[in-house]
């Protein structure tokens, strides 16, 4: 396909320059593109802000649920808090499409590692099977105080898997380790009594403090993205003042990289290859199947230029205007990736371990990697040199 796409791109260069000549060759009609490239970047900025704003709204609801549970640690409040976490993941998942774009989420002081870093080494945070005394929670001698500043400062200290905060730290605190076999189709079974004084695990008060601090930090770090991307925000102003092709290159590189290397590679193929649920993105709650679908949804939002009620100029428009055949092919690759991902089994730990379900997972990997390559070819057609690695 790549050679065919490149050939189509070359033909498009000539077609865009010479549309028609009159019989005397006196006049050359030059076709001008009707889609303003700046309208694509402006639409993207609106999508990014709206997406992060929804993520903050749901994270705030999660923080409120956590605070309610910490104040009154009943089973019903525990169940409600887990439901709020699952809802919060629905709005955060698509925002992963804004990573790898030289934006504020990933820069040197960006909060990505404090929000969605994984995999998490459970015994860095709390007790694990076979070690009731592991983790920050169960070490009051070294960590006499548990608060936001302490936990943020401990994130990734001593290793990338030493994740102390973020969605997955909260997930582990709510579900605990998933110690069941994949064919049981069960998530982690942490009891709510781990948080009750005199309950099923020691240091219940510290566990409550830890959970509350993580909930508060989650909204703090998402608020940073709102501040950057809102109208008049520092990074939004910077982004919209970039050379338009530089901004477009950053945007397209991000979704190509997420599709081929990060989602297709790190988040799916590694777990598929190892057949290990510990490599799942949300391994405690068995929510990985939603992570995968939502990440792809974010890719589709950027490519199609739409999110909720927002709809505007897009990469799909630019590529299709420049080369209708290529535009249709890249759009078809996205549709194929969506179908392949939707066909993967649920839960994901069963899909990667069950012999009858594994082929569908590999098909999704291949479709996502083909999509990343398609974005590279599409970028070339509109004059952008990008990679998906």
Protein backbone atom coordinates (compact mmCIF):
# COMPACT_ATOMS: atom_id res chain seq x y z
CA UNK A 1 0.00 0.00 0.00
CA UNK A 2 2.79 2.45 0.80
CA UNK A 3 4.18 2.53 -2.77
CA UNK A 4 0.68 3.02 -4.13
CA UNK A 5 -0.01 5.87 -1.72
CA UNK A 6 3.26 7.59 -2.58
CA UNK A 7 2.47 7.36 -6.27
CA UNK A 8 -0.94 8.86 -5.64
CA UNK A 9 0.68 11.68 -3.70
CA UNK A 10 2.95 12.54 -6.65
CA UNK A 11 0.01 12.54 -9.04
CA UNK A 12 -1.80 14.88 -6.70
CA UNK A 13 1.01 17.44 -6.83
CA UNK A 14 0.57 17.76 -10.59
CA UNK A 15 -3.21 17.62 -10.44
CA UNK A 16 -3.34 20.40 -7.87
CA UNK A 17 -1.12 22.63 -10.02
CA UNK A 18 -2.65 22.13 -13.46
CA UNK A 19 -6.36 21.59 -13.50
CA UNK A 20 -7.11 22.58 -17.08
CA UNK A 21 -5.66 24.48 -20.03
CA UNK A 22 -7.64 26.11 -22.80
CA UNK A 23 -7.14 25.01 -26.40
CA UNK A 24 -4.62 27.75 -27.08
CA UNK A 25 -2.63 27.11 -23.90
CA UNK A 26 -2.96 30.80 -23.16
CA UNK A 27 -4.55 30.38 -19.76
CA UNK A 28 -3.78 27.95 -16.96
CA UNK A 29 -6.45 27.48 -14.32
CA UNK A 30 -4.82 26.98 -10.94
CA UNK A 31 -6.80 25.11 -8.31
CA UNK A 32 -6.63 26.63 -4.87
CA UNK A 33 -7.40 24.61 -1.77
CA UNK A 34 -10.55 25.79 -0.06
CA UNK A 35 -9.76 24.51 3.45
CA UNK A 36 -7.72 26.90 5.53
CA UNK A 37 -5.03 25.00 7.42
CA UNK A 38 -5.32 27.41 10.30
CA UNK A 39 -8.97 26.42 10.70
CA UNK A 40 -7.81 22.85 11.40
CA UNK A 41 -5.50 23.98 14.21
CA UNK A 42 -8.12 26.32 15.66
CA UNK A 43 -10.70 23.53 15.68
CA UNK A 44 -8.16 21.23 17.34
CA UNK A 45 -7.55 23.75 20.13
CA UNK A 46 -11.28 23.88 20.81
CA UNK A 47 -11.48 20.07 20.88
CA UNK A 48 -8.54 19.74 23.26
CA UNK A 49 -9.98 22.23 25.73
CA UNK A 50 -13.46 20.70 25.65
CA UNK A 51 -12.02 17.22 26.11
CA UNK A 52 -9.87 18.17 29.10
CA UNK A 53 -12.77 20.13 30.55
CA UNK A 54 -14.94 17.00 30.48
CA UNK A 55 -12.11 15.03 32.07
CA UNK A 56 -11.86 17.58 34.87
CA UNK A 57 -15.61 17.53 35.44
CA UNK A 58 -15.61 13.76 35.86
CA UNK A 59 -12.45 13.80 37.96
CA UNK A 60 -14.09 16.35 40.26
CA UNK A 61 -17.05 13.99 40.65
CA UNK A 62 -14.57 11.22 41.48
CA UNK A 63 -12.84 13.41 44.06
CA UNK A 64 -16.21 14.18 45.64
CA UNK A 65 -17.08 10.48 45.75
CA UNK A 66 -13.73 9.71 47.36
CA UNK A 67 -14.28 12.38 49.99
CA UNK A 68 -17.74 11.03 50.73
CA UNK A 69 -16.35 7.52 51.13
CA UNK A 70 -13.42 8.64 53.29
CA UNK A 71 -15.80 10.50 55.59
CA UNK A 72 -18.23 7.58 55.70
CA UNK A 73 -16.51 4.35 54.54
CA UNK A 74 -19.56 2.22 53.82
CA UNK A 75 -19.84 -0.46 51.19
CA UNK A 76 -22.34 1.56 49.17
CA UNK A 77 -20.05 4.61 49.15
CA UNK A 78 -17.16 2.37 48.13
CA UNK A 79 -19.17 1.00 45.21
CA UNK A 80 -20.15 4.54 44.19
CA UNK A 81 -16.51 5.62 44.24
CA UNK A 82 -15.49 2.77 41.94
CA UNK A 83 -18.29 3.72 39.56
CA UNK A 84 -17.06 7.33 39.59
CA UNK A 85 -13.54 6.14 38.72
CA UNK A 86 -14.86 4.20 35.73
CA UNK A 87 -16.80 7.26 34.55
CA UNK A 88 -13.74 9.46 34.94
CA UNK A 89 -11.76 7.14 32.69
CA UNK A 90 -14.37 7.58 29.94
CA UNK A 91 -13.58 11.26 29.51
CA UNK A 92 -9.86 11.03 30.19
CA UNK A 93 -9.17 8.22 27.70
CA UNK A 94 -9.60 10.30 24.52
CA UNK A 95 -7.20 12.97 25.82
CA UNK A 96 -4.30 10.58 25.25
CA UNK A 97 -4.48 11.69 21.60
CA UNK A 98 -2.95 15.04 22.66
CA UNK A 99 0.22 13.40 23.88
CA UNK A 100 3.38 13.13 21.75
CA UNK A 101 2.53 16.54 20.22
CA UNK A 102 5.12 18.72 21.97
CA UNK A 103 2.32 20.06 24.12
CA UNK A 104 2.03 20.88 27.83
CA UNK A 105 0.89 17.40 28.91
CA UNK A 106 4.31 15.94 28.07
CA UNK A 107 6.73 18.82 28.52
CA UNK A 108 9.43 18.91 31.19
CA UNK A 109 7.03 20.04 33.91
CA UNK A 110 3.92 18.47 32.39
CA UNK A 111 1.63 16.35 34.57
CA UNK A 112 1.32 13.23 32.40
CA UNK A 113 3.43 11.12 34.74
CA UNK A 114 1.25 12.27 37.63
CA UNK A 115 -2.00 11.43 35.86
CA UNK A 116 -1.84 8.28 33.78
CA UNK A 117 1.59 6.68 34.31
CA UNK A 118 1.66 2.87 34.28
CA UNK A 119 2.40 0.09 34.97
CA UNK A 120 2.22 0.64 38.70
CA UNK A 121 4.25 -1.43 41.13
CA UNK A 122 1.61 -2.23 43.71
CA UNK A 123 3.96 -2.81 46.63
CA UNK A 124 5.23 0.75 46.29
CA UNK A 125 1.80 1.96 47.47
CA UNK A 126 0.17 -0.64 49.71
CA UNK A 127 0.15 -4.23 50.83
CA UNK A 128 0.26 -7.00 48.25
CA UNK A 129 -0.38 -10.70 48.30
CA UNK A 130 2.33 -12.24 50.49
CA UNK A 131 3.50 -8.96 52.03
CA UNK A 132 1.08 -7.26 54.40
CA UNK A 133 3.58 -4.55 55.33
CA UNK A 134 4.68 -3.26 51.94
CA UNK A 135 4.09 0.19 50.56
CA UNK A 136 4.08 3.81 51.61
CA UNK A 137 0.79 3.30 53.45
CA UNK A 138 2.26 0.65 55.72
CA UNK A 139 5.52 2.45 56.44
CA UNK A 140 4.72 5.26 58.90
CA UNK A 141 8.32 5.32 60.11
CA UNK A 142 9.75 6.46 56.77
CA UNK A 143 6.61 8.33 55.72
CA UNK A 144 5.00 9.67 58.91
CA UNK A 145 2.84 12.12 56.96
CA UNK A 146 0.67 11.33 53.95
CA UNK A 147 -0.40 14.41 52.04
CA UNK A 148 -0.44 15.76 48.50
CA UNK A 149 3.06 17.20 48.53
CA UNK A 150 4.61 14.01 49.91
CA UNK A 151 2.86 11.72 47.44
CA UNK A 152 3.59 13.90 44.42
CA UNK A 153 7.24 14.05 45.43
CA UNK A 154 7.40 10.26 45.68
CA UNK A 155 6.08 9.63 42.18
CA UNK A 156 8.54 7.55 40.12
CA UNK A 157 11.26 7.91 42.75
CA UNK A 158 13.62 4.96 42.33
CA UNK A 159 12.00 3.67 39.14
CA UNK A 160 9.33 4.36 36.53
CA UNK A 161 7.01 1.75 38.03
CA UNK A 162 7.07 3.49 41.42
CA UNK A 163 3.84 5.31 40.66
CA UNK A 164 2.40 6.95 43.76
CA UNK A 165 -0.43 9.08 42.33
CA UNK A 166 -2.81 9.36 39.41
CA UNK A 167 -5.66 7.32 38.00
CA UNK A 168 -3.92 3.99 38.46
CA UNK A 169 -2.89 4.61 42.06
CA UNK A 170 -6.53 5.38 42.81
CA UNK A 171 -7.57 2.31 40.83
CA UNK A 172 -5.28 0.08 42.91
CA UNK A 173 -6.58 1.55 46.15
CA UNK A 174 -10.17 0.86 45.08
CA UNK A 175 -9.82 -2.58 43.52
CA UNK A 176 -6.56 -4.00 44.88
CA UNK A 177 -4.59 -6.62 42.99
CA UNK A 178 -6.43 -8.77 40.48
CA UNK A 179 -5.48 -12.20 41.77
CA UNK A 180 -8.18 -14.11 39.93
CA UNK A 181 -7.69 -16.17 36.78
CA UNK A 182 -8.72 -14.38 33.56
CA UNK A 183 -11.44 -16.93 32.82
CA UNK A 184 -13.16 -15.99 36.08
CA UNK A 185 -13.79 -12.56 34.51
CA UNK A 186 -13.35 -10.75 37.81
CA UNK A 187 -11.53 -7.56 38.67
CA UNK A 188 -9.58 -6.97 41.87
CA UNK A 189 -11.51 -7.84 45.02
CA UNK A 190 -10.28 -5.35 47.62
CA UNK A 191 -12.90 -5.12 50.41
CA UNK A 192 -14.17 -1.74 51.56
CA UNK A 193 -13.26 -2.84 55.08
CA UNK A 194 -9.59 -2.11 54.23
CA UNK A 195 -10.56 1.49 54.94
CA UNK A 196 -12.47 0.93 58.18
CA UNK A 197 -10.83 1.26 61.58
CA UNK A 198 -10.23 -2.24 62.89
CA UNK A 199 -11.08 -3.64 59.47
CA UNK A 200 -9.37 -6.15 57.19
CA UNK A 201 -5.98 -4.44 56.80
CA UNK A 202 -3.72 -2.32 58.98
CA UNK A 203 -3.25 1.46 58.65
CA UNK A 204 -6.82 2.12 57.56
CA UNK A 205 -6.55 5.81 58.46
CA UNK A 206 -3.44 6.21 56.31
CA UNK A 207 -5.15 4.41 53.43
CA UNK A 208 -8.04 6.86 53.63
CA UNK A 209 -5.61 9.78 53.72
CA UNK A 210 -3.75 8.39 50.73
CA UNK A 211 -6.92 7.94 48.68
CA UNK A 212 -8.15 11.44 49.47
CA UNK A 213 -4.80 13.02 48.58
CA UNK A 214 -4.73 11.20 45.24
CA UNK A 215 -8.24 12.38 44.40
CA UNK A 216 -7.28 15.97 45.16
CA UNK A 217 -4.09 15.75 43.10
CA UNK A 218 -5.97 14.35 40.12
CA UNK A 219 -8.10 17.45 39.77
CA UNK A 220 -5.12 19.72 40.46
CA UNK A 221 -3.18 18.22 37.58
CA UNK A 222 -6.10 18.29 35.16
CA UNK A 223 -6.71 21.93 36.06
CA UNK A 224 -3.21 22.64 34.77
CA UNK A 225 -4.33 21.45 31.33
CA UNK A 226 -7.43 23.61 31.50
CA UNK A 227 -5.29 26.62 32.33
CA UNK A 228 -3.04 25.93 29.35
CA UNK A 229 -5.75 25.23 26.74
CA UNK A 230 -8.58 27.61 27.67
CA UNK A 231 -9.16 30.66 25.48
CA UNK A 232 -6.33 33.01 26.35
CA UNK A 233 -4.38 30.21 28.05
CA UNK A 234 -0.60 30.23 27.80
CA UNK A 235 -0.15 27.17 25.62
CA UNK A 236 -3.23 27.79 23.49
CA UNK A 237 -1.75 31.18 22.57
CA UNK A 238 1.61 29.57 21.84
CA UNK A 239 0.04 26.80 19.78
CA UNK A 240 -2.06 29.13 17.65
CA UNK A 241 0.95 31.35 17.00
CA UNK A 242 3.07 28.46 15.70
CA UNK A 243 3.73 28.17 12.01
CA UNK A 244 0.59 26.33 10.90
CA UNK A 245 2.48 23.46 9.31
CA UNK A 246 4.51 23.00 12.50
CA UNK A 247 1.31 22.80 14.53
CA UNK A 248 -0.24 20.38 12.05
CA UNK A 249 2.89 18.23 12.10
CA UNK A 250 2.76 18.05 15.90
CA UNK A 251 -0.91 17.08 15.84
CA UNK A 252 -0.55 14.39 13.18
CA UNK A 253 2.64 13.00 14.71
CA UNK A 254 0.76 12.58 17.98
CA UNK A 255 -2.07 10.45 16.61
CA UNK A 256 0.25 8.47 14.34
CA UNK A 257 2.54 7.68 17.28
CA UNK A 258 -0.32 6.85 19.62
CA UNK A 259 -1.90 4.56 17.04
CA UNK A 260 1.14 2.63 15.87
CA UNK A 261 3.71 2.69 18.64
CA UNK A 262 1.95 3.43 21.90
CA UNK A 263 -1.52 1.89 21.57
CA UNK A 264 -0.80 -0.78 19.00
CA UNK A 265 2.62 -1.54 20.49
CA UNK A 266 3.10 -0.75 24.17
CA UNK A 267 -0.49 -0.93 25.34
CA UNK A 268 -1.74 -3.93 23.39
CA UNK A 269 1.04 -5.95 21.76
CA UNK A 270 3.29 -6.13 24.83
CA UNK A 271 0.44 -7.59 26.91
CA UNK A 272 -0.56 -9.85 24.02
CA UNK A 273 2.99 -11.10 23.56
CA UNK A 274 3.60 -11.69 27.28
CA UNK A 275 0.06 -12.97 27.94
CA UNK A 276 0.35 -11.21 31.29
CA UNK A 277 -2.47 -9.22 32.85
CA UNK A 278 0.13 -7.23 34.79
CA UNK A 279 0.92 -5.51 31.47
CA UNK A 280 -2.66 -4.28 31.14
CA UNK A 281 -3.27 -0.57 31.27
CA UNK A 282 -6.02 -0.87 33.90
CA UNK A 283 -5.18 -4.25 35.33
CA UNK A 284 -6.82 -3.82 38.75
CA UNK A 285 -10.30 -2.87 37.54
CA UNK A 286 -10.28 -4.92 34.31
CA UNK A 287 -11.12 -1.71 32.44
CA UNK A 288 -8.39 -2.04 29.82
CA UNK A 289 -10.85 -2.79 27.04
CA UNK A 290 -12.33 0.68 27.59
CA UNK A 291 -8.89 2.33 27.71
CA UNK A 292 -8.08 0.91 24.29
CA UNK A 293 -11.36 1.96 22.71
CA UNK A 294 -11.23 5.43 24.23
CA UNK A 295 -7.66 6.06 23.12
CA UNK A 296 -8.69 5.20 19.57
CA UNK A 297 -11.72 7.44 19.95
CA UNK A 298 -9.35 10.30 20.74
CA UNK A 299 -7.35 9.54 17.59
CA UNK A 300 -10.55 9.57 15.55
CA UNK A 301 -11.61 12.89 17.12
CA UNK A 302 -8.40 14.58 16.00
CA UNK A 303 -8.42 13.07 12.50
CA UNK A 304 -12.10 13.83 11.89
CA UNK A 305 -12.09 17.19 13.68
CA UNK A 306 -15.02 16.43 15.92
CA UNK A 307 -15.77 16.04 19.61
CA UNK A 308 -19.25 16.16 21.09
CA UNK A 309 -20.99 19.18 19.59
CA UNK A 310 -17.73 20.49 18.12
CA UNK A 311 -17.19 19.79 14.44
CA UNK A 312 -14.87 21.61 12.09
CA UNK A 313 -12.03 21.45 9.60
CA UNK A 314 -9.90 18.35 9.97
CA UNK A 315 -7.01 16.27 8.69
CA UNK A 316 -9.57 14.11 6.94
CA UNK A 317 -10.71 17.21 5.03
CA UNK A 318 -7.18 18.36 4.18
CA UNK A 319 -5.99 14.98 2.91
CA UNK A 320 -9.19 14.28 0.99
CA UNK A 321 -9.11 17.68 -0.70
CA UNK A 322 -5.50 17.16 -1.72
CA UNK A 323 -5.97 13.56 -2.83
CA UNK A 324 -9.49 12.11 -2.70
CA UNK A 325 -8.33 8.54 -3.25
CA UNK A 326 -5.76 8.70 -0.48
CA UNK A 327 -8.20 10.48 1.82
CA UNK A 328 -10.69 7.67 1.36
CA UNK A 329 -8.00 5.07 2.03
CA UNK A 330 -6.87 6.67 5.30
CA UNK A 331 -10.48 7.08 6.40
CA UNK A 332 -11.03 3.40 5.62
CA UNK A 333 -7.97 2.47 7.69
CA UNK A 334 -9.47 4.32 10.65
CA UNK A 335 -12.80 2.57 10.22
CA UNK A 336 -11.01 -0.78 9.99
CA UNK A 337 -9.05 -0.06 13.18
CA UNK A 338 -12.25 0.87 15.00
CA UNK A 339 -13.91 -2.37 13.88
CA UNK A 340 -10.85 -4.45 14.82
CA UNK A 341 -10.55 -2.89 18.28
CA UNK A 342 -14.28 -3.29 18.91
CA UNK A 343 -13.94 -6.98 17.99
CA UNK A 344 -11.41 -7.69 20.76
CA UNK A 345 -12.67 -9.69 23.73
CA UNK A 346 -13.75 -8.39 27.12
CA UNK A 347 -12.10 -8.39 29.60
CA UNK A 348 -8.72 -7.77 28.05
CA UNK A 349 -6.82 -10.18 30.31
CA UNK A 350 -9.01 -12.99 28.96
CA UNK A 351 -8.63 -11.74 25.38
CA UNK A 352 -4.83 -11.98 25.56
CA UNK A 353 -4.77 -15.39 27.23
CA UNK A 354 -7.61 -17.29 25.58
CA UNK A 355 -6.38 -19.02 22.36
CA UNK A 356 -9.65 -18.40 20.56
CA UNK A 357 -9.63 -14.67 21.40
CA UNK A 358 -5.95 -13.90 20.83
CA UNK A 359 -6.18 -13.63 17.01
CA UNK A 360 -8.62 -10.72 17.32
CA UNK A 361 -6.16 -8.88 19.57
CA UNK A 362 -3.35 -9.33 17.06
CA UNK A 363 -5.66 -8.17 14.27
CA UNK A 364 -6.32 -4.98 16.27
CA UNK A 365 -2.57 -4.43 16.68
CA UNK A 366 -2.04 -4.78 12.94
CA UNK A 367 -4.95 -2.47 12.13
CA UNK A 368 -3.66 0.22 14.52
CA UNK A 369 -0.17 0.01 13.10
CA UNK A 370 -1.51 0.22 9.54
CA UNK A 371 -3.49 3.27 10.60
CA UNK A 372 -0.35 4.92 11.98
CA UNK A 373 1.41 4.29 8.67
CA UNK A 374 -1.62 5.68 6.84
CA UNK A 375 -1.36 8.91 8.83
CA UNK A 376 2.29 9.17 7.78
CA UNK A 377 1.31 8.79 4.12
CA UNK A 378 -1.54 11.24 4.52
CA UNK A 379 0.80 13.75 6.11
CA UNK A 380 3.19 13.43 3.20
CA UNK A 381 0.36 14.21 0.77
CA UNK A 382 -0.27 17.55 2.50
CA UNK A 383 3.41 18.38 2.83
CA UNK A 384 4.06 17.17 6.36
CA UNK A 385 6.96 14.82 7.10
CA UNK A 386 6.08 12.82 10.21
CA UNK A 387 6.88 9.48 11.81
CA UNK A 388 4.79 7.06 13.82
CA UNK A 389 7.64 5.69 15.95
